[in-house]
Amino acid sequence: MDEEELAEFITHDTLSWRIWMNGYEIGLFQGHQDERAGMEDLADLVARRQLVLEHCQEQIRAERANTLTMAEVRQAMDRTRIGKYTGGPVPWDKDGHE
């Protein structure tokens, strides 16, 4: 039985039509429930992340500053290796040789 024959059978037989529509309604309802549960889970996750960010704000700031400092140090070290110097100040030698 192909799709056209199945559609014709369902639309012409009242019991099949009720069964089909009942399944459709249940599926639609379950889809709405899943979407609602997903949104509630998402809201819960966002709230938990916000609390963690607020609780760890000082550690995050310190880590960010440390990360930026380490990036600057790596960049300066890379610039001051033999054959790599491109000019500019060296962060750890501000009062250096002038």
C-alpha atoms as a PDB file:
ATOM      1  CA  MET A   1       0.000   0.000   0.000  1.00  0.00           C
ATOM      2  CA  ASP A   2       1.581   3.325  -1.050  1.00  0.00           C
ATOM      3  CA  GLU A   3       0.986   6.718   0.568  1.00  0.00           C
ATOM      4  CA  GLU A   4      -1.914   7.684  -1.671  1.00  0.00           C
ATOM      5  CA  GLU A   5      -3.777   4.443  -1.010  1.00  0.00           C
ATOM      6  CA  LEU A   6      -3.125   4.768   2.724  1.00  0.00           C
ATOM      7  CA  ALA A   7      -4.359   8.384   2.734  1.00  0.00           C
ATOM      8  CA  GLU A   8      -7.503   7.406   0.840  1.00  0.00           C
ATOM      9  CA  PHE A   9      -8.186   4.503   3.224  1.00  0.00           C
ATOM     10  CA  ILE A  10      -7.709   6.681   6.333  1.00  0.00           C
ATOM     11  CA  THR A  11      -9.868   9.542   5.062  1.00  0.00           C
ATOM     12  CA  HIS A  12     -12.734   7.265   4.016  1.00  0.00           C
ATOM     13  CA  ASP A  13     -12.850   4.966   7.048  1.00  0.00           C
ATOM     14  CA  THR A  14     -14.165   6.749  10.168  1.00  0.00           C
ATOM     15  CA  LEU A  15     -12.452   4.448  12.685  1.00  0.00           C
ATOM     16  CA  SER A  16      -9.096   4.776  10.919  1.00  0.00           C
ATOM     17  CA  TRP A  17      -9.570   8.549  10.759  1.00  0.00           C
ATOM     18  CA  ARG A  18     -10.236   8.742  14.532  1.00  0.00           C
ATOM     19  CA  ILE A  19      -7.221   6.560  15.295  1.00  0.00           C
ATOM     20  CA  TRP A  20      -5.043   8.678  12.980  1.00  0.00           C
ATOM     21  CA  MET A  21      -6.227  11.967  14.491  1.00  0.00           C
ATOM     22  CA  ASN A  22      -5.884  10.637  18.039  1.00  0.00           C
ATOM     23  CA  GLY A  23      -2.269   9.675  17.335  1.00  0.00           C
ATOM     24  CA  TYR A  24      -1.662  13.078  15.745  1.00  0.00           C
ATOM     25  CA  GLU A  25      -3.083  14.910  18.780  1.00  0.00           C
ATOM     26  CA  ILE A  26      -1.043  12.803  21.198  1.00  0.00           C
ATOM     27  CA  GLY A  27       2.118  13.440  19.178  1.00  0.00           C
ATOM     28  CA  LEU A  28       1.433  17.164  19.016  1.00  0.00           C
ATOM     29  CA  PHE A  29       0.741  17.323  22.760  1.00  0.00           C
ATOM     30  CA  GLN A  30       3.918  15.371  23.531  1.00  0.00           C
ATOM     31  CA  GLY A  31       5.896  17.725  21.301  1.00  0.00           C
ATOM     32  CA  HIS A  32       4.585  20.721  23.230  1.00  0.00           C
ATOM     33  CA  GLN A  33       5.393  19.020  26.529  1.00  0.00           C
ATOM     34  CA  ASP A  34       8.939  18.229  25.354  1.00  0.00           C
ATOM     35  CA  GLU A  35       9.422  21.818  24.219  1.00  0.00           C
ATOM     36  CA  ARG A  36       8.151  23.174  27.540  1.00  0.00           C
ATOM     37  CA  ALA A  37      10.387  20.799  29.506  1.00  0.00           C
ATOM     38  CA  GLY A  38      13.340  21.775  27.333  1.00  0.00           C
ATOM     39  CA  MET A  39      12.724  25.456  27.966  1.00  0.00           C
ATOM     40  CA  GLU A  40      12.420  24.843  31.721  1.00  0.00           C
ATOM     41  CA  ASP A  41      15.687  22.877  31.667  1.00  0.00           C
ATOM     42  CA  LEU A  42      17.335  25.673  29.717  1.00  0.00           C
ATOM     43  CA  ALA A  43      16.077  28.309  32.156  1.00  0.00           C
ATOM     44  CA  ASP A  44      17.357  26.220  35.072  1.00  0.00           C
ATOM     45  CA  LEU A  45      20.752  25.816  33.418  1.00  0.00           C
ATOM     46  CA  VAL A  46      21.018  29.550  32.711  1.00  0.00           C
ATOM     47  CA  ALA A  47      20.084  30.377  36.318  1.00  0.00           C
ATOM     48  CA  ARG A  48      22.679  27.952  37.691  1.00  0.00           C
ATOM     49  CA  ARG A  49      25.384  29.355  35.415  1.00  0.00           C
ATOM     50  CA  GLN A  50      24.492  32.902  36.466  1.00  0.00           C
ATOM     51  CA  LEU A  51      24.799  31.936  40.142  1.00  0.00           C
ATOM     52  CA  VAL A  52      28.179  30.307  39.528  1.00  0.00           C
ATOM     53  CA  LEU A  53      29.412  33.368  37.631  1.00  0.00           C
ATOM     54  CA  GLU A  54      28.291  35.678  40.438  1.00  0.00           C
ATOM     55  CA  HIS A  55      29.798  33.424  43.114  1.00  0.00           C
ATOM     56  CA  CYS A  56      33.153  33.050  41.312  1.00  0.00           C
ATOM     57  CA  GLN A  57      33.403  36.607  39.970  1.00  0.00           C
ATOM     58  CA  GLU A  58      36.710  37.410  41.716  1.00  0.00           C
ATOM     59  CA  GLN A  59      38.361  34.169  40.593  1.00  0.00           C
ATOM     60  CA  ILE A  60      37.174  34.771  37.018  1.00  0.00           C
ATOM     61  CA  ARG A  61      38.633  38.298  37.029  1.00  0.00           C
ATOM     62  CA  ALA A  62      41.938  37.065  38.433  1.00  0.00           C
ATOM     63  CA  GLU A  63      42.102  34.226  35.911  1.00  0.00           C
ATOM     64  CA  ARG A  64      41.297  36.577  33.036  1.00  0.00           C
ATOM     65  CA  ALA A  65      44.014  39.019  34.129  1.00  0.00           C
ATOM     66  CA  ASN A  66      46.491  36.171  34.532  1.00  0.00           C
ATOM     67  CA  THR A  67      45.618  34.809  31.104  1.00  0.00           C
ATOM     68  CA  LEU A  68      46.104  38.206  29.453  1.00  0.00           C
ATOM     69  CA  THR A  69      49.410  38.721  31.277  1.00  0.00           C
ATOM     70  CA  MET A  70      50.658  35.301  30.216  1.00  0.00           C
ATOM     71  CA  ALA A  71      49.685  36.037  26.617  1.00  0.00           C
ATOM     72  CA  GLU A  72      51.651  39.300  26.734  1.00  0.00           C
ATOM     73  CA  VAL A  73      54.663  37.540  28.267  1.00  0.00           C
ATOM     74  CA  ARG A  74      54.574  34.808  25.612  1.00  0.00           C
ATOM     75  CA  GLN A  75      54.291  37.388  22.855  1.00  0.00           C
ATOM     76  CA  ALA A  76      57.191  39.412  24.300  1.00  0.00           C
ATOM     77  CA  MET A  77      59.326  36.285  24.721  1.00  0.00           C
ATOM     78  CA  ASP A  78      58.568  35.274  21.160  1.00  0.00           C
ATOM     79  CA  ARG A  79      59.554  38.736  19.895  1.00  0.00           C
ATOM     80  CA  THR A  80      62.827  38.693  21.811  1.00  0.00           C
ATOM     81  CA  ARG A  81      64.092  35.306  20.626  1.00  0.00           C
ATOM     82  CA  ILE A  82      67.025  35.391  18.282  1.00  0.00           C
ATOM     83  CA  GLY A  83      65.835  36.320  14.826  1.00  0.00           C
ATOM     84  CA  LYS A  84      62.282  37.126  15.998  1.00  0.00           C
ATOM     85  CA  TYR A  85      62.627  40.621  17.486  1.00  0.00           C
ATOM     86  CA  THR A  86      60.222  42.990  15.769  1.00  0.00           C
ATOM     87  CA  GLY A  87      60.762  45.964  18.061  1.00  0.00           C
ATOM     88  CA  GLY A  88      58.670  47.383  20.842  1.00  0.00           C
ATOM     89  CA  PRO A  89      58.969  47.397  24.620  1.00  0.00           C
ATOM     90  CA  VAL A  90      59.811  44.315  26.634  1.00  0.00           C
ATOM     91  CA  PRO A  91      57.257  44.169  29.519  1.00  0.00           C
ATOM     92  CA  TRP A  92      59.637  42.853  32.162  1.00  0.00           C
ATOM     93  CA  ASP A  93      62.433  45.286  31.259  1.00  0.00           C
ATOM     94  CA  LYS A  94      60.816  48.731  31.334  1.00  0.00           C
ATOM     95  CA  ASP A  95      63.776  50.389  33.116  1.00  0.00           C
ATOM     96  CA  GLY A  96      66.209  48.473  30.937  1.00  0.00           C
ATOM     97  CA  HIS A  97      69.140  49.550  28.880  1.00  0.00           C
ATOM     98  CA  GLU A  98      68.651  52.976  27.412  1.00  0.00           C
END
